[in-house]
């Protein structure tokens, strides 16, 4: 009785995404003397293709702490799978060795940004026309829905800015 449904689900692409795109981005500076977002917006690149553009400028200090929180929309955005605080500099030094949620995201960002070098980050972080592709989540089979990925950046465990990216997986 269930065999045709299971075969259709597995071989008919029932677990693959047909649409993955950004829906919103919010950049918030918690300490204006530390950093500034010069650019923070989404840009339509084509039919159904949305690119993320961000320019984060450090005014003083270095970026060495980060926190990533992953939310899913279930009657409001709720923490879903990942809520991790990590040493950003250590992560960038040994990011090739371990598979983690941060590695998947930063490997995808490295192609269209200047985030692909080790610490210290002294001046600015730039992301230009980053497109949300299906293969980013080949190691994370997520159900269809709306998601929020929040990055919180800081220096010496003092949080200075937040970046919230909203996405739709269908």
Protein backbone atom coordinates (compact mmCIF):
# COMPACT_ATOMS: atom_id res chain seq x y z
CA UNK A 1 0.00 0.00 0.00
CA UNK A 2 2.80 2.47 0.89
CA UNK A 3 5.27 1.21 -1.74
CA UNK A 4 4.10 3.46 -4.64
CA UNK A 5 4.14 6.52 -2.38
CA UNK A 6 7.67 5.76 -1.08
CA UNK A 7 8.98 5.11 -4.61
CA UNK A 8 7.43 8.36 -5.84
CA UNK A 9 8.88 10.27 -2.89
CA UNK A 10 12.40 8.87 -3.25
CA UNK A 11 12.74 8.90 -7.02
CA UNK A 12 10.39 11.75 -7.90
CA UNK A 13 12.37 14.40 -6.09
CA UNK A 14 10.01 14.65 -3.13
CA UNK A 15 12.84 15.58 -0.78
CA UNK A 16 14.67 17.95 -3.13
CA UNK A 17 14.09 21.69 -3.35
CA UNK A 18 12.89 23.33 -6.50
CA UNK A 19 13.06 26.88 -5.16
CA UNK A 20 15.63 28.24 -2.72
CA UNK A 21 15.89 31.98 -2.39
CA UNK A 22 16.46 34.83 0.00
CA UNK A 23 13.36 36.70 1.15
CA UNK A 24 14.75 39.35 3.52
CA UNK A 25 17.91 40.62 5.21
CA UNK A 26 18.27 42.72 8.35
CA UNK A 27 21.54 44.28 9.46
CA UNK A 28 21.75 45.73 12.96
CA UNK A 29 24.69 47.52 14.57
CA UNK A 30 24.75 47.20 18.35
CA UNK A 31 27.81 49.45 18.82
CA UNK A 32 28.15 52.19 16.15
CA UNK A 33 31.69 53.08 17.24
CA UNK A 34 32.83 49.52 16.43
CA UNK A 35 31.33 48.80 13.01
CA UNK A 36 28.95 49.90 10.28
CA UNK A 37 26.96 48.26 7.52
CA UNK A 38 27.63 50.30 4.38
CA UNK A 39 25.50 48.02 2.22
CA UNK A 40 22.88 45.50 3.28
CA UNK A 41 20.24 44.54 0.73
CA UNK A 42 18.89 41.88 -1.61
CA UNK A 43 19.03 42.36 -5.37
CA UNK A 44 16.97 40.65 -8.05
CA UNK A 45 19.42 39.12 -10.54
CA UNK A 46 16.86 37.36 -12.68
CA UNK A 47 13.53 35.60 -12.55
CA UNK A 48 13.46 33.84 -9.19
CA UNK A 49 17.17 34.57 -8.52
CA UNK A 50 17.89 36.80 -5.55
CA UNK A 51 21.43 37.90 -4.66
CA UNK A 52 22.59 38.99 -1.22
CA UNK A 53 24.82 42.06 -1.03
CA UNK A 54 26.52 43.15 2.18
CA UNK A 55 29.45 45.38 3.11
CA UNK A 56 30.44 45.28 6.79
CA UNK A 57 33.11 47.76 7.82
CA UNK A 58 35.10 47.45 11.04
CA UNK A 59 35.87 50.88 12.49
CA UNK A 60 38.08 49.68 15.33
CA UNK A 61 39.19 46.37 16.77
CA UNK A 62 39.09 42.96 15.15
CA UNK A 63 36.33 40.42 14.60
CA UNK A 64 37.17 37.33 16.63
CA UNK A 65 33.91 35.95 18.06
CA UNK A 66 30.81 34.81 16.26
CA UNK A 67 27.53 33.15 17.06
CA UNK A 68 25.22 31.47 14.58
CA UNK A 69 21.59 30.66 15.30
CA UNK A 70 19.32 28.82 12.87
CA UNK A 71 15.56 29.42 13.13
CA UNK A 72 12.60 27.76 11.45
CA UNK A 73 9.20 29.38 11.12
CA UNK A 74 6.72 27.41 13.20
CA UNK A 75 4.09 29.91 14.33
CA UNK A 76 6.87 32.50 14.59
CA UNK A 77 10.60 31.96 14.23
CA UNK A 78 11.89 29.39 16.74
CA UNK A 79 15.44 28.04 17.22
CA UNK A 80 15.65 24.96 15.01
CA UNK A 81 18.90 23.00 14.79
CA UNK A 82 21.97 25.11 15.48
CA UNK A 83 22.80 27.64 18.18
CA UNK A 84 26.57 27.81 18.41
CA UNK A 85 29.05 30.37 19.71
CA UNK A 86 32.53 29.88 18.30
CA UNK A 87 35.92 31.50 18.03
CA UNK A 88 35.86 32.90 14.51
CA UNK A 89 39.65 33.03 14.14
CA UNK A 90 40.12 29.39 15.20
CA UNK A 91 37.33 28.34 12.89
CA UNK A 92 38.91 30.11 9.90
CA UNK A 93 42.33 28.53 10.63
CA UNK A 94 41.04 24.95 10.76
CA UNK A 95 37.85 25.21 8.72
CA UNK A 96 39.06 22.59 6.21
CA UNK A 97 39.17 19.76 8.73
CA UNK A 98 35.72 19.40 10.26
CA UNK A 99 32.25 19.32 8.77
CA UNK A 100 29.90 21.66 10.61
CA UNK A 101 27.01 23.97 9.89
CA UNK A 102 29.37 26.96 9.86
CA UNK A 103 31.70 25.23 7.38
CA UNK A 104 28.83 24.58 4.96
CA UNK A 105 27.74 28.23 5.07
CA UNK A 106 31.26 29.71 4.89
CA UNK A 107 32.31 27.41 2.04
CA UNK A 108 29.34 28.68 0.04
CA UNK A 109 30.14 32.30 0.95
CA UNK A 110 33.85 32.01 0.11
CA UNK A 111 33.20 31.99 -3.64
CA UNK A 112 31.48 35.40 -3.68
CA UNK A 113 33.09 37.24 -0.78
CA UNK A 114 36.37 38.18 0.83
CA UNK A 115 35.67 36.01 3.89
CA UNK A 116 38.02 33.26 2.63
CA UNK A 117 41.12 34.28 4.60
CA UNK A 118 42.28 33.80 8.17
CA UNK A 119 42.23 36.33 10.96
CA UNK A 120 42.56 39.10 11.69
CA UNK A 121 39.71 40.76 9.85
CA UNK A 122 40.73 44.38 10.16
CA UNK A 123 38.87 46.42 7.57
CA UNK A 124 35.75 45.10 5.87
CA UNK A 125 33.82 42.01 4.92
CA UNK A 126 32.16 42.09 1.51
CA UNK A 127 29.58 39.74 -0.02
CA UNK A 128 28.49 40.49 -3.59
CA UNK A 129 25.52 38.83 -5.31
CA UNK A 130 25.58 35.67 -3.21
CA UNK A 131 22.92 33.37 -4.64
CA UNK A 132 21.24 30.74 -2.53
CA UNK A 133 21.79 27.47 -4.42
CA UNK A 134 20.30 24.06 -3.74
CA UNK A 135 23.66 22.32 -3.35
CA UNK A 136 24.45 24.33 -0.21
CA UNK A 137 22.12 22.02 1.69
CA UNK A 138 23.23 18.70 0.22
CA UNK A 139 24.54 17.71 3.67
CA UNK A 140 21.52 19.19 5.49
CA UNK A 141 18.27 17.69 4.20
CA UNK A 142 15.92 20.37 5.54
CA UNK A 143 12.15 20.23 5.10
CA UNK A 144 10.47 22.87 2.97
CA UNK A 145 9.65 26.05 4.85
CA UNK A 146 10.82 29.48 5.89
CA UNK A 147 14.12 29.85 7.76
CA UNK A 148 16.19 32.55 9.42
CA UNK A 149 19.95 32.39 9.82
CA UNK A 150 21.33 34.88 12.31
CA UNK A 151 25.01 35.74 12.69
CA UNK A 152 26.14 37.75 15.67
CA UNK A 153 29.67 39.20 15.52
CA UNK A 154 31.81 40.59 18.28
CA UNK A 155 35.17 41.18 19.86
CA UNK A 156 36.27 39.47 23.08
CA UNK A 157 32.74 38.11 23.73
CA UNK A 158 31.16 41.57 23.47
CA UNK A 159 28.53 41.43 20.71
CA UNK A 160 28.72 44.33 18.27
CA UNK A 161 26.40 43.52 15.32
CA UNK A 162 23.76 41.12 14.06
CA UNK A 163 22.96 39.95 10.56
CA UNK A 164 19.69 38.10 9.97
CA UNK A 165 19.08 36.42 6.62
CA UNK A 166 15.66 35.01 5.79
CA UNK A 167 15.24 32.28 3.20
CA UNK A 168 12.51 30.19 1.63
CA UNK A 169 13.00 26.51 0.76
CA UNK A 170 10.25 24.97 -1.37
